[in-house]
Protein backbone atom coordinates (compact mmCIF):
# COMPACT_ATOMS: atom_id res chain seq x y z
CA UNK A 1 -133.13 -151.98 -131.56
CA UNK A 2 -133.37 -150.84 -128.57
CA UNK A 3 -130.88 -152.65 -127.04
CA UNK A 4 -128.81 -150.62 -129.96
CA UNK A 5 -130.17 -147.16 -128.90
CA UNK A 6 -129.42 -147.89 -125.42
CA UNK A 7 -125.73 -148.79 -126.50
CA UNK A 8 -125.30 -145.52 -128.18
CA UNK A 9 -126.63 -143.06 -125.05
CA UNK A 10 -123.88 -145.11 -122.90
CA UNK A 11 -121.24 -144.43 -124.88
CA UNK A 12 -121.99 -140.41 -125.19
CA UNK A 13 -122.42 -140.77 -121.35
CA UNK A 14 -119.39 -142.33 -120.83
CA UNK A 15 -117.23 -139.43 -123.15
CA UNK A 16 -118.56 -136.74 -121.38
CA UNK A 17 -117.87 -138.40 -118.26
CA UNK A 18 -114.00 -139.25 -119.04
CA UNK A 19 -113.87 -135.28 -120.67
CA UNK A 20 -115.00 -134.00 -116.99
CA UNK A 21 -111.92 -135.86 -115.65
CA UNK A 22 -109.25 -134.72 -118.13
CA UNK A 23 -110.19 -131.57 -117.36
CA UNK A 24 -110.32 -131.71 -113.80
CA UNK A 25 -106.72 -133.49 -113.74
CA UNK A 26 -105.84 -130.27 -115.88
CA UNK A 27 -106.53 -128.18 -113.61
CA UNK A 28 -104.59 -129.50 -110.59
CA UNK A 29 -101.16 -128.44 -112.75
CA UNK A 30 -101.79 -124.91 -112.80
CA UNK A 31 -104.34 -124.77 -115.91
CA UNK A 32 -107.74 -124.08 -113.66
CA UNK A 33 -110.62 -126.29 -113.64
CA UNK A 34 -112.95 -123.25 -113.62
CA UNK A 35 -114.42 -121.03 -116.60
CA UNK A 36 -112.67 -120.37 -119.58
CA UNK A 37 -113.72 -116.95 -119.63
CA UNK A 38 -111.63 -116.23 -115.79
CA UNK A 39 -108.30 -115.30 -117.23
CA UNK A 40 -105.57 -115.69 -114.08
CA UNK A 41 -104.45 -112.59 -112.37
CA UNK A 42 -100.36 -111.99 -112.96
CA UNK A 43 -98.32 -108.49 -112.70
CA UNK A 44 -99.30 -105.13 -111.20
CA UNK A 45 -102.40 -106.39 -111.24
CA UNK A 46 -102.10 -109.13 -108.63
CA UNK A 47 -99.69 -106.77 -107.03
CA UNK A 48 -102.66 -104.55 -106.59
CA UNK A 49 -105.11 -106.81 -105.51
CA UNK A 50 -103.18 -108.03 -102.63
CA UNK A 51 -102.77 -104.74 -101.17
CA UNK A 52 -106.41 -103.83 -101.56
CA UNK A 53 -105.40 -101.09 -104.15
CA UNK A 54 -106.57 -100.50 -107.85
CA UNK A 55 -104.15 -100.93 -110.10
CA UNK A 56 -104.91 -96.67 -111.40
CA UNK A 57 -104.58 -95.58 -107.45
CA UNK A 58 -100.83 -94.16 -107.87
CA UNK A 59 -97.98 -94.21 -105.63
CA UNK A 60 -98.73 -94.22 -101.89
CA UNK A 61 -98.20 -90.64 -99.44
CA UNK A 62 -95.06 -92.59 -98.00
CA UNK A 63 -93.68 -93.60 -101.47
CA UNK A 64 -93.87 -89.96 -102.72
CA UNK A 65 -92.53 -88.40 -99.37
CA UNK A 66 -89.28 -91.27 -100.37
CA UNK A 67 -89.38 -89.58 -104.05
CA UNK A 68 -89.24 -86.09 -103.34
CA UNK A 69 -87.63 -84.65 -100.18
CA UNK A 70 -89.71 -81.64 -98.22
CA UNK A 71 -87.80 -78.16 -99.73
CA UNK A 72 -85.82 -76.64 -97.03
CA UNK A 73 -85.50 -72.41 -96.22
CA UNK A 74 -82.55 -70.69 -97.53
CA UNK A 75 -79.33 -70.95 -95.94
CA UNK A 76 -78.79 -68.42 -92.64
CA UNK A 77 -75.58 -66.56 -93.82
CA UNK A 78 -73.18 -66.54 -90.22
CA UNK A 79 -71.02 -63.50 -89.96
CA UNK A 80 -67.64 -64.12 -89.14
CA UNK A 81 -66.39 -63.66 -85.60
CA UNK A 82 -65.12 -59.91 -84.78
CA UNK A 83 -61.83 -61.21 -83.74
CA UNK A 84 -60.61 -57.17 -83.48
CA UNK A 85 -61.59 -53.39 -83.74
CA UNK A 86 -59.47 -53.16 -86.60
CA UNK A 87 -61.16 -53.56 -90.03
CA UNK A 88 -58.45 -54.85 -92.86
CA UNK A 89 -58.70 -55.13 -96.96
CA UNK A 90 -56.82 -57.13 -98.85
CA UNK A 91 -53.74 -55.33 -100.37
CA UNK A 92 -54.32 -56.15 -104.09
CA UNK A 93 -57.67 -54.76 -104.86
CA UNK A 94 -59.62 -55.66 -108.33
CA UNK A 95 -57.19 -58.03 -109.69
CA UNK A 96 -56.62 -61.50 -109.91
CA UNK A 97 -53.55 -62.61 -107.10
CA UNK A 98 -51.60 -65.30 -105.90
CA UNK A 99 -49.13 -65.22 -103.23
CA UNK A 100 -46.65 -67.42 -101.40
CA UNK A 101 -46.98 -69.05 -97.86
CA UNK A 102 -43.92 -70.07 -97.30
CA UNK A 103 -40.88 -68.42 -95.60
CA UNK A 104 -37.76 -68.08 -98.62
CA UNK A 105 -35.08 -65.45 -97.68
CA UNK A 106 -37.51 -62.99 -95.27
CA UNK A 107 -40.85 -63.31 -93.45
CA UNK A 108 -42.72 -61.45 -95.94
CA UNK A 109 -44.56 -62.47 -99.27
CA UNK A 110 -44.56 -62.09 -102.81
CA UNK A 111 -48.06 -61.01 -104.17
CA UNK A 112 -48.47 -61.60 -108.12
CA UNK A 113 -50.85 -59.60 -109.97
CA UNK A 114 -50.84 -57.91 -113.49
CA UNK A 115 -48.95 -54.35 -113.92
CA UNK A 116 -51.16 -51.46 -112.62
CA UNK A 117 -52.93 -53.53 -110.62
CA UNK A 118 -54.06 -51.22 -107.43
CA UNK A 119 -52.34 -51.63 -104.45
CA UNK A 120 -54.44 -50.17 -101.57
CA UNK A 121 -54.03 -49.58 -97.94
CA UNK A 122 -54.74 -52.58 -95.69
CA UNK A 123 -55.60 -50.91 -92.82
CA UNK A 124 -56.64 -46.96 -91.60
CA UNK A 125 -53.46 -44.92 -91.03
CA UNK A 126 -50.81 -42.38 -92.08
CA UNK A 127 -48.30 -43.17 -94.51
CA UNK A 128 -44.65 -43.24 -93.15
CA UNK A 129 -42.01 -43.69 -95.73
CA UNK A 130 -42.94 -42.80 -99.76
CA UNK A 131 -40.13 -44.14 -102.21
CA UNK A 132 -41.01 -42.74 -105.54
CA UNK A 133 -37.10 -43.62 -106.96
CA UNK A 134 -35.80 -46.90 -108.25
CA UNK A 135 -32.27 -47.12 -107.02
CA UNK A 136 -31.98 -50.66 -107.18
CA UNK A 137 -28.66 -52.51 -109.38
CA UNK A 138 -28.33 -55.62 -110.48
CA UNK A 139 -24.58 -54.82 -109.74
CA UNK A 140 -24.97 -54.70 -105.95
CA UNK A 141 -28.27 -56.16 -104.97
CA UNK A 142 -28.01 -53.86 -101.85
CA UNK A 143 -31.04 -55.07 -99.65
CA UNK A 144 -31.75 -51.35 -98.97
CA UNK A 145 -33.02 -51.02 -102.77
CA UNK A 146 -34.77 -53.98 -103.43
CA UNK A 147 -38.00 -53.38 -103.10
CA UNK A 148 -37.96 -50.01 -106.24
CA UNK A 149 -40.54 -47.88 -105.27
CA UNK A 150 -42.64 -48.31 -102.35
CA UNK A 151 -45.05 -47.22 -99.61
CA UNK A 152 -45.41 -48.13 -95.91
CA UNK A 153 -47.89 -47.21 -93.48
CA UNK A 154 -48.21 -46.87 -90.12
CA UNK A 155 -52.06 -48.41 -89.15
CA UNK A 156 -54.11 -47.85 -86.48
CA UNK A 157 -53.17 -51.10 -85.16
CA UNK A 158 -49.48 -49.58 -84.64
CA UNK A 159 -48.36 -52.16 -86.74
CA UNK A 160 -46.17 -50.67 -90.41
CA UNK A 161 -47.12 -52.07 -93.86
CA UNK A 162 -45.09 -52.35 -96.82
CA UNK A 163 -45.90 -52.14 -100.30
CA UNK A 164 -42.94 -52.74 -102.79
CA UNK A 165 -42.15 -52.97 -106.23
CA UNK A 166 -44.61 -50.62 -106.99
CA UNK A 167 -44.82 -48.90 -110.56
CA UNK A 168 -46.02 -45.59 -109.47
CA UNK A 169 -47.22 -44.09 -106.61
CA UNK A 170 -51.09 -42.90 -106.27
CA UNK A 171 -51.09 -38.69 -106.18
CA UNK A 172 -51.19 -36.99 -102.88
CA UNK A 173 -49.89 -40.13 -101.06
CA UNK A 174 -46.86 -38.35 -99.25
CA UNK A 175 -45.53 -38.81 -95.53
CA UNK A 176 -48.49 -37.67 -92.75
CA UNK A 177 -51.47 -38.53 -95.21
CA UNK A 178 -54.15 -40.18 -93.58
CA UNK A 179 -55.42 -42.83 -95.35
CA UNK A 180 -58.52 -45.50 -95.13
CA UNK A 181 -58.59 -49.40 -95.46
CA UNK A 182 -58.65 -49.96 -98.89
CA UNK A 183 -57.44 -46.21 -100.33
CA UNK A 184 -55.29 -46.73 -103.53
CA UNK A 185 -51.56 -45.95 -102.70
CA UNK A 186 -49.85 -47.30 -105.69
CA UNK A 187 -49.50 -49.67 -108.68
CA UNK A 188 -47.87 -52.89 -109.03
CA UNK A 189 -45.10 -52.64 -111.34
CA UNK A 190 -41.40 -54.10 -111.61
CA UNK A 191 -39.02 -51.86 -109.84
CA UNK A 192 -36.37 -53.02 -107.57
CA UNK A 193 -35.13 -56.52 -108.03
CA UNK A 194 -38.80 -57.04 -109.67
CA UNK A 195 -37.24 -55.70 -113.41
CA UNK A 196 -35.90 -59.52 -113.45
CA UNK A 197 -38.85 -61.51 -111.67
CA UNK A 198 -41.98 -59.92 -113.50
CA UNK A 199 -44.60 -57.45 -111.59
CA UNK A 200 -45.94 -58.12 -108.57
CA UNK A 201 -46.46 -56.76 -105.00
CA UNK A 202 -43.77 -57.01 -102.24
CA UNK A 203 -45.86 -56.98 -99.48
CA UNK A 204 -44.50 -56.85 -94.99
CA UNK A 205 -45.44 -56.04 -92.21
CA UNK A 206 -43.19 -54.85 -89.07
CA UNK A 207 -42.94 -52.11 -86.94
CA UNK A 208 -42.03 -48.22 -86.79
CA UNK A 209 -38.37 -47.41 -87.15
CA UNK A 210 -36.19 -45.11 -88.32
CA UNK A 211 -35.40 -44.95 -91.89
CA UNK A 212 -32.06 -45.99 -91.72
CA UNK A 213 -33.44 -49.42 -90.11
CA UNK A 214 -34.21 -50.48 -93.72
CA UNK A 215 -34.04 -54.22 -92.90
CA UNK A 216 -36.60 -54.13 -90.39
CA UNK A 217 -39.28 -52.36 -93.18
CA UNK A 218 -38.30 -55.31 -95.62
CA UNK A 219 -40.68 -57.61 -93.33
CA UNK A 220 -40.18 -59.44 -89.86
CA UNK A 221 -44.16 -61.19 -89.26
CA UNK A 222 -45.29 -63.78 -91.61
CA UNK A 223 -48.11 -62.04 -93.63
CA UNK A 224 -49.86 -64.87 -95.57
CA UNK A 225 -51.92 -65.86 -92.21
CA UNK A 226 -53.70 -62.26 -92.55
CA UNK A 227 -53.60 -62.30 -96.27
CA UNK A 228 -55.29 -65.47 -96.30
CA UNK A 229 -58.39 -64.05 -93.73
CA UNK A 230 -58.84 -60.83 -95.13
CA UNK A 231 -59.21 -62.40 -98.58
CA UNK A 232 -61.63 -65.22 -97.43
CA UNK A 233 -64.09 -62.38 -95.55
CA UNK A 234 -62.90 -62.60 -91.91
CA UNK A 235 -61.09 -58.55 -92.44
CA UNK A 236 -60.90 -58.21 -88.40
CA UNK A 237 -58.09 -60.57 -87.99
CA UNK A 238 -54.99 -58.32 -86.96
CA UNK A 239 -51.64 -59.02 -86.50
CA UNK A 240 -51.16 -56.52 -83.50
CA UNK A 241 -50.33 -58.91 -80.64
CA UNK A 242 -48.13 -60.96 -83.11
CA UNK A 243 -46.18 -57.84 -84.18
CA UNK A 244 -46.20 -56.45 -80.29
CA UNK A 245 -44.49 -59.73 -79.13
CA UNK A 246 -42.13 -60.44 -81.63
CA UNK A 247 -40.58 -56.41 -81.17
CA UNK A 248 -40.30 -57.32 -77.50
CA UNK A 249 -38.29 -59.97 -77.64
CA UNK A 250 -36.10 -59.25 -80.69
CA UNK A 251 -35.98 -55.39 -79.61
CA UNK A 252 -36.99 -52.08 -82.10
CA UNK A 253 -34.13 -52.11 -84.22
CA UNK A 254 -32.50 -55.94 -84.32
CA UNK A 255 -29.57 -56.65 -86.21
CA UNK A 256 -29.36 -56.81 -89.89
CA UNK A 257 -28.79 -60.40 -90.91
CA UNK A 258 -29.69 -60.53 -94.30
CA UNK A 259 -28.26 -58.73 -97.46
CA UNK A 260 -26.66 -56.12 -95.31
CA UNK A 261 -23.20 -55.65 -97.06
CA UNK A 262 -23.77 -53.26 -99.50
CA UNK A 263 -25.77 -50.75 -97.12
CA UNK A 264 -23.74 -51.26 -93.93
CA UNK A 265 -22.72 -47.43 -93.92
CA UNK A 266 -26.25 -46.39 -93.70
CA UNK A 267 -26.50 -48.19 -90.42
CA UNK A 268 -24.34 -45.51 -89.06
CA UNK A 269 -26.60 -42.61 -90.16
CA UNK A 270 -28.86 -42.69 -87.13
CA UNK A 271 -27.32 -44.34 -83.31
CA UNK A 272 -28.63 -47.23 -81.65
CA UNK A 273 -31.18 -46.25 -79.13
CA UNK A 274 -30.05 -47.62 -75.86
CA UNK A 275 -31.90 -49.80 -73.59
CA UNK A 276 -30.73 -48.08 -70.38
CA UNK A 277 -31.05 -44.14 -70.04
CA UNK A 278 -27.69 -42.40 -69.61
CA UNK A 279 -27.31 -39.37 -67.75
CA UNK A 280 -24.77 -36.73 -69.38
CA UNK A 281 -23.64 -33.71 -66.90
CA UNK A 282 -22.61 -30.11 -68.09
CA UNK A 283 -18.63 -29.80 -67.67
CA UNK A 284 -18.74 -26.63 -65.57
CA UNK A 285 -18.58 -28.15 -61.88
CA UNK A 286 -20.34 -25.22 -60.36
CA UNK A 287 -23.23 -25.49 -62.71
CA UNK A 288 -26.58 -26.95 -61.90
CA UNK A 289 -26.63 -30.83 -62.83
CA UNK A 290 -28.55 -31.77 -65.78
CA UNK A 291 -29.95 -34.60 -67.07
CA UNK A 292 -30.59 -35.45 -70.99
CA UNK A 293 -32.49 -39.12 -71.52
CA UNK A 294 -31.83 -40.76 -74.29
CA UNK A 295 -35.27 -42.00 -75.75
CA UNK A 296 -35.41 -46.07 -75.68
CA UNK A 297 -38.52 -47.67 -77.42
CA UNK A 298 -41.03 -45.04 -79.64
CA UNK A 299 -44.66 -46.26 -78.73
CA UNK A 300 -45.68 -48.92 -81.61
CA UNK A 301 -48.64 -46.96 -82.60
CA UNK A 302 -46.17 -44.34 -83.24
CA UNK A 303 -48.23 -41.46 -81.57
């Protein structure tokens, strides 16, 4: 009987030892031989443990800085450089406009705008010519009448500016009237050859000449660079220097070269100024000699 009891204890002891051995083997392949109450550490908790931070500590200051860039102050607005002592205004005010930036027939531009839009003086100056009659005819298409109703001014910069195809001329605008930059001179219309193309402002830059030299008035200096500057905010870009250089090169009254046929007779209304003054003597030989000088070139600023 004692031997039977001893046998049963031996069997129980062997089973316990065998169970322990199996548990250790399982631990070797990744389950772990520790207490089943200890769960493996995975995911965000493992990352927090490795970085010595709890899972609820939130992002670090460096992470916050990366997600939220520092706030900057208001941008500093730098005014455009002052390029001349004159201040200019875009010649059409209060309306949406478009204009060409390429040479077509003459060095001028067509500023497209709705009828009735304000044509304003591009610079302070004095009104030079005012034409309130629309004498253009499609049958002759004379160059002298193509602008229909128009106003020209001689700016304080010495440059002449033309606004043509006007529907009307502003009240009180007449030769000799003093105007400021941005002052109303007329309203955009369809007079002249614009009656077949739609409302626009014929805008040209040149220098002062007599009315007989209408082809100079129609445009000598390409205007679009100046229009770009005045429209975009640089209101001191002046065409004065370019105008002076071109007039010195071509002369005050260069010959007409474009659309000259119909009004050719108008060129005889005013004599061509001589480049060299010619003395004129009295007929009487016994009287004191007198000399009359023919004016050559008037000052650009008209003063």
